[in-house]
N, C-alpha and C. Protein backbone atom coordinates (compact mmCIF):
# COMPACT_ATOMS: atom_id res chain seq x y z
N MET A 1 106.56 173.90 200.78
CA MET A 1 105.13 173.66 200.96
C MET A 1 104.35 174.62 200.06
N SER A 2 103.46 174.06 199.27
CA SER A 2 102.64 174.92 198.41
C SER A 2 101.17 174.51 198.44
N GLN A 3 100.84 173.56 199.30
CA GLN A 3 99.45 173.11 199.40
C GLN A 3 98.56 174.24 199.90
N PRO A 4 97.29 174.22 199.49
CA PRO A 4 96.36 175.18 200.10
C PRO A 4 96.18 174.86 201.58
N ILE A 5 95.85 175.89 202.33
CA ILE A 5 95.58 175.75 203.77
C ILE A 5 94.14 176.18 203.99
N PHE A 6 93.34 175.29 204.55
CA PHE A 6 91.93 175.55 204.80
C PHE A 6 91.73 175.86 206.27
N MET A 7 91.08 176.98 206.56
CA MET A 7 90.75 177.37 207.92
C MET A 7 89.29 176.97 208.15
N VAL A 8 89.04 176.13 209.18
CA VAL A 8 87.68 175.74 209.51
C VAL A 8 87.38 176.11 210.96
N GLY A 9 86.10 176.24 211.25
CA GLY A 9 85.65 176.59 212.60
C GLY A 9 84.33 177.32 212.53
N ALA A 10 83.77 177.56 213.68
CA ALA A 10 82.47 178.22 213.77
C ALA A 10 82.57 179.71 213.43
N ARG A 11 81.42 180.31 213.17
CA ARG A 11 81.36 181.76 212.93
C ARG A 11 82.04 182.48 214.08
N GLY A 12 82.85 183.47 213.76
CA GLY A 12 83.45 184.30 214.80
C GLY A 12 84.75 183.77 215.38
N CYS A 13 85.23 182.61 214.89
CA CYS A 13 86.46 182.05 215.48
C CYS A 13 87.72 182.73 214.96
N GLY A 14 87.60 183.51 213.87
CA GLY A 14 88.75 184.25 213.35
C GLY A 14 89.34 183.70 212.06
N LYS A 15 88.57 182.89 211.34
CA LYS A 15 89.11 182.28 210.11
C LYS A 15 89.58 183.34 209.11
N THR A 16 88.80 184.38 208.92
CA THR A 16 89.17 185.42 207.96
C THR A 16 90.33 186.26 208.48
N THR A 17 90.26 186.70 209.72
CA THR A 17 91.32 187.54 210.30
C THR A 17 92.64 186.79 210.36
N VAL A 18 92.61 185.59 210.93
CA VAL A 18 93.83 184.79 211.05
C VAL A 18 94.30 184.33 209.67
N GLY A 19 93.36 183.93 208.83
CA GLY A 19 93.71 183.47 207.49
C GLY A 19 94.40 184.53 206.66
N THR A 20 93.91 185.76 206.74
CA THR A 20 94.54 186.88 206.02
C THR A 20 95.97 187.10 206.51
N ALA A 21 96.15 187.10 207.83
CA ALA A 21 97.49 187.31 208.41
C ALA A 21 98.41 186.14 208.08
N LEU A 22 97.89 184.92 208.10
CA LEU A 22 98.70 183.74 207.77
C LEU A 22 99.13 183.78 206.30
N ALA A 23 98.21 184.14 205.43
CA ALA A 23 98.55 184.25 204.00
C ALA A 23 99.66 185.28 203.80
N ARG A 24 99.53 186.41 204.46
CA ARG A 24 100.55 187.45 204.36
C ARG A 24 101.91 186.91 204.83
N ALA A 25 101.92 186.21 205.97
CA ALA A 25 103.17 185.68 206.53
C ALA A 25 103.81 184.64 205.62
N LEU A 26 102.99 183.87 204.91
CA LEU A 26 103.51 182.83 204.02
C LEU A 26 103.77 183.32 202.60
N GLY A 27 103.29 184.51 202.28
CA GLY A 27 103.37 184.99 200.90
C GLY A 27 102.38 184.28 200.00
N TYR A 28 101.26 183.85 200.59
CA TYR A 28 100.20 183.13 199.87
C TYR A 28 99.09 184.11 199.48
N GLN A 29 98.24 183.66 198.58
CA GLN A 29 96.98 184.35 198.29
C GLN A 29 96.02 184.05 199.44
N PHE A 30 94.96 184.84 199.55
CA PHE A 30 93.93 184.57 200.55
C PHE A 30 92.58 184.55 199.85
N ALA A 31 91.74 183.59 200.24
CA ALA A 31 90.37 183.53 199.72
C ALA A 31 89.42 183.23 200.86
N ASP A 32 88.23 183.77 200.78
CA ASP A 32 87.18 183.54 201.77
C ASP A 32 85.98 183.01 200.99
N THR A 33 85.55 181.78 201.29
CA THR A 33 84.48 181.18 200.49
C THR A 33 83.18 181.97 200.58
N ASP A 34 82.86 182.51 201.76
CA ASP A 34 81.63 183.31 201.89
C ASP A 34 81.71 184.57 201.04
N LEU A 35 82.85 185.26 201.10
CA LEU A 35 83.03 186.48 200.33
C LEU A 35 83.00 186.18 198.83
N PHE A 36 83.69 185.10 198.42
CA PHE A 36 83.70 184.70 197.01
C PHE A 36 82.27 184.42 196.53
N MET A 37 81.52 183.71 197.36
CA MET A 37 80.14 183.37 197.00
C MET A 37 79.29 184.64 196.88
N GLN A 38 79.50 185.59 197.78
CA GLN A 38 78.74 186.84 197.71
C GLN A 38 79.09 187.61 196.45
N GLN A 39 80.39 187.64 196.11
CA GLN A 39 80.81 188.39 194.92
C GLN A 39 80.30 187.74 193.64
N THR A 40 80.33 186.42 193.57
CA THR A 40 79.92 185.75 192.34
C THR A 40 78.40 185.67 192.20
N SER A 41 77.68 185.60 193.33
CA SER A 41 76.21 185.51 193.26
C SER A 41 75.55 186.88 193.31
N LYS A 42 76.33 187.91 193.70
CA LYS A 42 75.80 189.26 193.88
C LYS A 42 74.72 189.30 194.96
N MET A 43 74.82 188.33 195.92
CA MET A 43 73.87 188.28 197.04
C MET A 43 74.65 188.06 198.33
N SER A 44 74.11 188.57 199.43
CA SER A 44 74.70 188.27 200.74
C SER A 44 74.34 186.84 201.12
N VAL A 45 75.02 186.31 202.14
CA VAL A 45 74.69 184.99 202.64
C VAL A 45 73.21 184.95 203.02
N ALA A 46 72.76 185.98 203.73
CA ALA A 46 71.35 186.03 204.16
C ALA A 46 70.40 186.01 202.96
N GLU A 47 70.76 186.71 201.89
CA GLU A 47 69.90 186.74 200.69
C GLU A 47 69.89 185.38 199.99
N VAL A 48 71.04 184.73 199.92
CA VAL A 48 71.09 183.39 199.31
C VAL A 48 70.19 182.44 200.10
N VAL A 49 70.31 182.49 201.43
CA VAL A 49 69.49 181.61 202.28
C VAL A 49 68.01 181.94 202.10
N ALA A 50 67.68 183.23 202.05
CA ALA A 50 66.27 183.63 201.88
C ALA A 50 65.72 183.18 200.54
N ASN A 51 66.53 183.28 199.49
CA ASN A 51 66.09 182.95 198.13
C ASN A 51 66.15 181.46 197.81
N GLU A 52 67.17 180.77 198.34
CA GLU A 52 67.42 179.39 197.92
C GLU A 52 67.38 178.39 199.06
N GLY A 53 67.18 178.89 200.29
CA GLY A 53 67.19 178.01 201.45
C GLY A 53 68.60 177.58 201.81
N TRP A 54 68.71 176.90 202.96
CA TRP A 54 70.04 176.45 203.40
C TRP A 54 70.63 175.43 202.44
N HIS A 55 69.78 174.60 201.82
CA HIS A 55 70.29 173.60 200.87
C HIS A 55 70.98 174.29 199.69
N GLY A 56 70.32 175.32 199.13
CA GLY A 56 70.92 176.06 198.02
C GLY A 56 72.20 176.75 198.43
N PHE A 57 72.19 177.31 199.65
CA PHE A 57 73.40 177.95 200.17
C PHE A 57 74.54 176.94 200.27
N ARG A 58 74.26 175.77 200.84
CA ARG A 58 75.31 174.75 201.01
C ARG A 58 75.85 174.28 199.66
N GLN A 59 74.99 174.20 198.65
CA GLN A 59 75.45 173.83 197.31
C GLN A 59 76.41 174.90 196.76
N ARG A 60 76.01 176.16 196.90
CA ARG A 60 76.87 177.25 196.43
C ARG A 60 78.20 177.26 197.19
N GLU A 61 78.12 176.95 198.49
CA GLU A 61 79.32 176.93 199.34
C GLU A 61 80.32 175.88 198.83
N SER A 62 79.82 174.70 198.48
CA SER A 62 80.69 173.63 197.97
C SER A 62 81.34 174.02 196.65
N VAL A 63 80.57 174.65 195.79
CA VAL A 63 81.12 175.12 194.51
C VAL A 63 82.20 176.17 194.76
N ALA A 64 81.93 177.10 195.66
CA ALA A 64 82.90 178.16 195.98
C ALA A 64 84.20 177.55 196.50
N LEU A 65 84.10 176.55 197.36
CA LEU A 65 85.29 175.89 197.91
C LEU A 65 86.18 175.36 196.77
N GLN A 66 85.58 174.68 195.83
CA GLN A 66 86.37 174.11 194.74
C GLN A 66 86.94 175.20 193.83
N GLN A 67 86.17 176.27 193.62
CA GLN A 67 86.62 177.33 192.72
C GLN A 67 87.78 178.14 193.30
N VAL A 68 87.82 178.34 194.61
CA VAL A 68 88.89 179.17 195.19
C VAL A 68 90.14 178.35 195.54
N THR A 69 90.03 177.03 195.56
CA THR A 69 91.16 176.21 195.97
C THR A 69 92.25 176.21 194.91
N GLN A 70 93.44 176.61 195.36
CA GLN A 70 94.63 176.59 194.50
C GLN A 70 95.85 176.50 195.41
N SER A 71 96.96 176.12 194.83
CA SER A 71 98.18 176.03 195.64
C SER A 71 98.57 177.42 196.11
N ARG A 72 99.31 177.45 197.21
CA ARG A 72 99.79 178.70 197.80
C ARG A 72 98.65 179.67 198.09
N CYS A 73 97.59 179.13 198.72
CA CYS A 73 96.43 179.94 199.07
C CYS A 73 95.92 179.51 200.44
N VAL A 74 95.59 180.49 201.28
CA VAL A 74 94.92 180.23 202.55
C VAL A 74 93.44 180.52 202.32
N ILE A 75 92.59 179.56 202.69
CA ILE A 75 91.17 179.66 202.39
C ILE A 75 90.36 179.63 203.69
N ALA A 76 89.65 180.72 203.96
CA ALA A 76 88.72 180.78 205.09
C ALA A 76 87.40 180.19 204.61
N THR A 77 86.94 179.14 205.27
CA THR A 77 85.70 178.49 204.85
C THR A 77 84.54 178.95 205.72
N GLY A 78 83.34 178.82 205.20
CA GLY A 78 82.16 179.11 206.00
C GLY A 78 82.07 178.11 207.15
N GLY A 79 81.44 178.53 208.24
CA GLY A 79 81.36 177.70 209.43
C GLY A 79 80.72 176.34 209.21
N GLY A 80 79.81 176.25 208.24
CA GLY A 80 79.13 174.99 207.97
C GLY A 80 79.74 174.18 206.85
N MET A 81 80.89 174.61 206.34
CA MET A 81 81.53 173.89 205.22
C MET A 81 81.73 172.41 205.55
N VAL A 82 82.00 172.11 206.81
CA VAL A 82 82.31 170.74 207.22
C VAL A 82 81.08 169.83 207.24
N LEU A 83 79.89 170.37 207.08
CA LEU A 83 78.68 169.54 207.12
C LEU A 83 78.63 168.57 205.95
N SER A 84 79.26 168.90 204.85
CA SER A 84 79.26 168.03 203.68
C SER A 84 80.45 167.07 203.74
N PRO A 85 80.18 165.76 203.70
CA PRO A 85 81.29 164.79 203.67
C PRO A 85 82.22 165.02 202.48
N GLN A 86 81.65 165.44 201.34
CA GLN A 86 82.47 165.70 200.16
C GLN A 86 83.44 166.86 200.39
N ASN A 87 82.95 167.91 201.07
CA ASN A 87 83.82 169.05 201.37
C ASN A 87 84.94 168.64 202.32
N ARG A 88 84.61 167.84 203.33
CA ARG A 88 85.64 167.40 204.27
C ARG A 88 86.70 166.57 203.55
N GLN A 89 86.26 165.65 202.72
CA GLN A 89 87.21 164.81 201.98
C GLN A 89 88.05 165.66 201.05
N PHE A 90 87.43 166.60 200.37
CA PHE A 90 88.14 167.48 199.44
C PHE A 90 89.23 168.27 200.16
N MET A 91 88.87 168.89 201.28
CA MET A 91 89.86 169.72 202.00
C MET A 91 91.01 168.87 202.52
N ARG A 92 90.70 167.73 203.12
CA ARG A 92 91.77 166.87 203.67
C ARG A 92 92.70 166.37 202.57
N SER A 93 92.15 166.04 201.41
CA SER A 93 92.98 165.48 200.34
C SER A 93 93.74 166.55 199.57
N GLN A 94 93.21 167.76 199.53
CA GLN A 94 93.82 168.81 198.71
C GLN A 94 94.84 169.67 199.45
N GLY A 95 94.77 169.70 200.79
CA GLY A 95 95.66 170.61 201.50
C GLY A 95 95.75 170.30 202.97
N ILE A 96 96.05 171.33 203.73
CA ILE A 96 96.19 171.24 205.18
C ILE A 96 95.00 171.95 205.79
N VAL A 97 94.34 171.28 206.74
CA VAL A 97 93.15 171.84 207.36
C VAL A 97 93.47 172.22 208.81
N ILE A 98 93.17 173.47 209.14
CA ILE A 98 93.41 173.98 210.49
C ILE A 98 92.08 174.38 211.11
N TYR A 99 91.79 173.80 212.26
CA TYR A 99 90.56 174.11 212.99
C TYR A 99 90.89 175.14 214.06
N LEU A 100 90.26 176.31 213.95
CA LEU A 100 90.38 177.35 214.97
C LEU A 100 89.29 177.12 216.01
N PHE A 101 89.67 176.55 217.13
CA PHE A 101 88.73 176.21 218.19
C PHE A 101 88.49 177.40 219.11
N ALA A 102 87.21 177.64 219.41
CA ALA A 102 86.84 178.69 220.38
C ALA A 102 85.59 178.22 221.11
N SER A 103 85.46 178.63 222.35
CA SER A 103 84.27 178.27 223.14
C SER A 103 83.06 179.05 222.64
N ALA A 104 81.88 178.52 222.96
CA ALA A 104 80.64 179.20 222.58
C ALA A 104 80.57 180.60 223.19
N THR A 105 81.08 180.75 224.41
CA THR A 105 81.07 182.07 225.07
C THR A 105 81.93 183.06 224.30
N LEU A 106 83.14 182.65 223.94
CA LEU A 106 84.03 183.53 223.18
C LEU A 106 83.42 183.87 221.82
N LEU A 107 82.88 182.88 221.14
CA LEU A 107 82.24 183.13 219.84
C LEU A 107 81.08 184.10 219.99
N GLY A 108 80.25 183.89 221.00
CA GLY A 108 79.11 184.78 221.24
C GLY A 108 79.55 186.20 221.51
N ASP A 109 80.59 186.34 222.34
CA ASP A 109 81.12 187.67 222.64
C ASP A 109 81.61 188.36 221.38
N ARG A 110 82.34 187.64 220.54
CA ARG A 110 82.87 188.23 219.31
C ARG A 110 81.76 188.61 218.35
N LEU A 111 80.78 187.73 218.20
CA LEU A 111 79.69 188.02 217.26
C LEU A 111 78.82 189.17 217.75
N GLU A 112 78.66 189.30 219.06
CA GLU A 112 77.91 190.44 219.59
C GLU A 112 78.69 191.73 219.47
N ALA A 113 80.02 191.66 219.60
CA ALA A 113 80.86 192.85 219.50
C ALA A 113 80.94 193.36 218.06
N CYS A 114 80.88 192.45 217.10
CA CYS A 114 80.97 192.81 215.67
C CYS A 114 79.82 192.16 214.91
N PRO A 115 78.59 192.60 215.16
CA PRO A 115 77.47 191.95 214.48
C PRO A 115 77.51 192.23 212.98
N GLU A 116 77.32 191.18 212.23
CA GLU A 116 77.24 191.29 210.77
C GLU A 116 76.00 190.53 210.34
N ALA A 117 74.87 190.98 210.79
CA ALA A 117 73.62 190.24 210.56
C ALA A 117 73.37 190.01 209.07
N HIS A 118 73.77 190.98 208.24
CA HIS A 118 73.56 190.82 206.80
C HIS A 118 74.39 189.69 206.24
N GLN A 119 75.49 189.38 206.90
CA GLN A 119 76.39 188.35 206.39
C GLN A 119 76.20 187.04 207.13
N ARG A 120 75.83 187.10 208.39
CA ARG A 120 75.76 185.91 209.22
C ARG A 120 74.36 185.76 209.78
N PRO A 121 73.45 185.21 209.01
CA PRO A 121 72.09 185.08 209.54
C PRO A 121 72.06 184.13 210.72
N THR A 122 71.23 184.46 211.71
CA THR A 122 71.07 183.57 212.84
C THR A 122 70.47 182.26 212.34
N LEU A 123 70.94 181.17 212.91
CA LEU A 123 70.44 179.87 212.49
C LEU A 123 69.16 179.51 213.22
N THR A 124 68.96 180.08 214.41
CA THR A 124 67.83 179.66 215.25
C THR A 124 66.98 180.80 215.76
N GLY A 125 67.47 182.04 215.72
CA GLY A 125 66.75 183.17 216.29
C GLY A 125 66.91 183.27 217.81
N ARG A 126 67.70 182.36 218.40
CA ARG A 126 67.93 182.36 219.85
C ARG A 126 69.14 183.23 220.19
N PRO A 127 69.39 183.47 221.48
CA PRO A 127 70.58 184.23 221.86
C PRO A 127 71.84 183.60 221.25
N ILE A 128 72.75 184.45 220.81
CA ILE A 128 73.89 183.98 220.03
C ILE A 128 74.77 182.97 220.79
N VAL A 129 74.97 183.15 222.10
CA VAL A 129 75.80 182.19 222.85
C VAL A 129 75.13 180.82 222.87
N ASP A 130 73.80 180.79 223.05
CA ASP A 130 73.08 179.51 223.02
C ASP A 130 73.19 178.87 221.64
N GLU A 131 73.02 179.70 220.61
CA GLU A 131 73.12 179.18 219.25
C GLU A 131 74.51 178.62 218.98
N MET A 132 75.55 179.33 219.41
CA MET A 132 76.91 178.87 219.16
C MET A 132 77.21 177.58 219.93
N ALA A 133 76.63 177.44 221.12
CA ALA A 133 76.81 176.19 221.88
C ALA A 133 76.19 175.02 221.11
N ASP A 134 75.02 175.25 220.53
CA ASP A 134 74.37 174.20 219.74
C ASP A 134 75.17 173.88 218.48
N VAL A 135 75.66 174.92 217.82
CA VAL A 135 76.47 174.73 216.61
C VAL A 135 77.72 173.91 216.93
N LEU A 136 78.41 174.28 218.00
CA LEU A 136 79.61 173.53 218.37
C LEU A 136 79.28 172.09 218.74
N ALA A 137 78.18 171.90 219.46
CA ALA A 137 77.78 170.54 219.82
C ALA A 137 77.56 169.69 218.57
N ALA A 138 76.96 170.29 217.56
CA ALA A 138 76.65 169.56 216.33
C ALA A 138 77.87 169.37 215.42
N ARG A 139 78.83 170.32 215.46
CA ARG A 139 79.92 170.31 214.48
C ARG A 139 81.30 170.02 215.03
N GLU A 140 81.47 170.05 216.34
CA GLU A 140 82.81 169.89 216.94
C GLU A 140 83.53 168.65 216.41
N THR A 141 82.84 167.52 216.38
CA THR A 141 83.45 166.28 215.89
C THR A 141 83.87 166.42 214.44
N LEU A 142 83.05 167.08 213.64
CA LEU A 142 83.38 167.26 212.21
C LEU A 142 84.61 168.15 212.06
N TYR A 143 84.66 169.24 212.81
CA TYR A 143 85.82 170.13 212.74
C TYR A 143 87.10 169.38 213.13
N ARG A 144 87.03 168.62 214.22
CA ARG A 144 88.21 167.90 214.69
C ARG A 144 88.60 166.78 213.73
N ASP A 145 87.61 166.08 213.18
CA ASP A 145 87.91 164.97 212.26
C ASP A 145 88.58 165.45 210.97
N VAL A 146 88.17 166.59 210.47
CA VAL A 146 88.73 167.07 209.21
C VAL A 146 90.09 167.73 209.40
N ALA A 147 90.36 168.22 210.60
CA ALA A 147 91.56 169.03 210.84
C ALA A 147 92.84 168.20 210.92
N HIS A 148 93.87 168.72 210.29
CA HIS A 148 95.22 168.20 210.49
C HIS A 148 95.81 168.80 211.76
N HIS A 149 95.40 170.04 212.08
CA HIS A 149 95.88 170.77 213.26
C HIS A 149 94.71 171.49 213.92
N VAL A 150 94.70 171.49 215.26
CA VAL A 150 93.70 172.23 216.03
C VAL A 150 94.43 173.32 216.79
N VAL A 151 93.95 174.56 216.65
CA VAL A 151 94.59 175.71 217.28
C VAL A 151 93.54 176.46 218.09
N ALA A 152 93.89 176.79 219.33
CA ALA A 152 92.99 177.59 220.16
C ALA A 152 92.90 179.00 219.58
N ALA A 153 91.68 179.46 219.36
CA ALA A 153 91.45 180.76 218.72
C ALA A 153 91.28 181.87 219.74
N SER A 154 91.64 181.63 220.99
CA SER A 154 91.43 182.63 222.03
C SER A 154 92.55 183.66 222.13
N ALA A 155 93.70 183.36 221.54
CA ALA A 155 94.83 184.29 221.56
C ALA A 155 94.64 185.39 220.51
N THR A 156 95.59 186.32 220.45
CA THR A 156 95.53 187.37 219.42
C THR A 156 95.86 186.74 218.06
N PRO A 157 95.41 187.37 216.98
CA PRO A 157 95.73 186.82 215.65
C PRO A 157 97.23 186.60 215.43
N ASP A 158 98.07 187.51 215.89
CA ASP A 158 99.53 187.35 215.70
C ASP A 158 100.05 186.11 216.40
N VAL A 159 99.58 185.87 217.61
CA VAL A 159 100.01 184.69 218.37
C VAL A 159 99.53 183.42 217.68
N ILE A 160 98.28 183.43 217.20
CA ILE A 160 97.73 182.26 216.50
C ILE A 160 98.53 181.98 215.23
N VAL A 161 98.83 183.02 214.46
CA VAL A 161 99.61 182.84 213.23
C VAL A 161 100.98 182.25 213.55
N THR A 162 101.64 182.76 214.58
CA THR A 162 102.95 182.24 214.98
C THR A 162 102.84 180.75 215.32
N GLU A 163 101.80 180.39 216.06
CA GLU A 163 101.59 178.98 216.43
C GLU A 163 101.37 178.11 215.19
N ILE A 164 100.57 178.60 214.24
CA ILE A 164 100.31 177.84 213.02
C ILE A 164 101.60 177.69 212.21
N LEU A 165 102.37 178.77 212.09
CA LEU A 165 103.62 178.69 211.33
C LEU A 165 104.56 177.65 211.95
N GLN A 166 104.62 177.59 213.26
CA GLN A 166 105.45 176.58 213.92
C GLN A 166 104.92 175.17 213.63
N MET A 167 103.62 174.98 213.67
CA MET A 167 103.03 173.66 213.35
C MET A 167 103.35 173.26 211.92
N LEU A 168 103.23 174.20 211.01
CA LEU A 168 103.48 173.90 209.60
C LEU A 168 104.95 173.54 209.36
N ARG A 169 105.86 174.22 210.04
CA ARG A 169 107.29 173.91 209.91
C ARG A 169 107.58 172.51 210.43
N VAL A 170 106.99 172.16 211.56
CA VAL A 170 107.20 170.84 212.14
C VAL A 170 106.63 169.78 211.19
N SER A 171 105.44 170.02 210.65
CA SER A 171 104.82 169.06 209.72
C SER A 171 105.67 168.89 208.46
N ALA A 172 106.17 170.02 207.95
CA ALA A 172 106.96 169.97 206.71
C ALA A 172 108.28 169.24 206.93
N ALA A 173 108.84 169.38 208.15
CA ALA A 173 110.14 168.76 208.45
C ALA A 173 110.01 167.26 208.70
N SER A 174 108.82 166.81 209.12
CA SER A 174 108.70 165.38 209.46
C SER A 174 108.28 164.52 208.31
């Protein structure tokens, strides 16, 4: 197996943490579309949104996805990557898509425990758990539709990686 692996899910579900550990376990490269976009634009996500609006951010996000995609790479995508039909089609056709599912409560707890306001601008200005519930309500179907595999993100990163490795072995064998 040498296809890229795309990690999708809401902010705080563990795409970067799990993705980094999964890449290490597979001997793959790791890329994070948000980090790549920040490095290439020399702006934080919040600055891109402030300067170019969400539309400009989403355009940059799509470009970043295509630029970082390569074989033998685990790619952590931004939480809204699935909003674009083109991005969903691209990820499904180019590699394996894994949705890290987490409840709004768990996501809110994680985001409050590790706030990165400079990187993760609030979408609504409301309490984070309420915001995450709205985000999941709007995107859950998209995450599930694009995913080849759905993994509960409530376990530790090591447990999640082990589960993903088992899924990938079963997929590769069938």
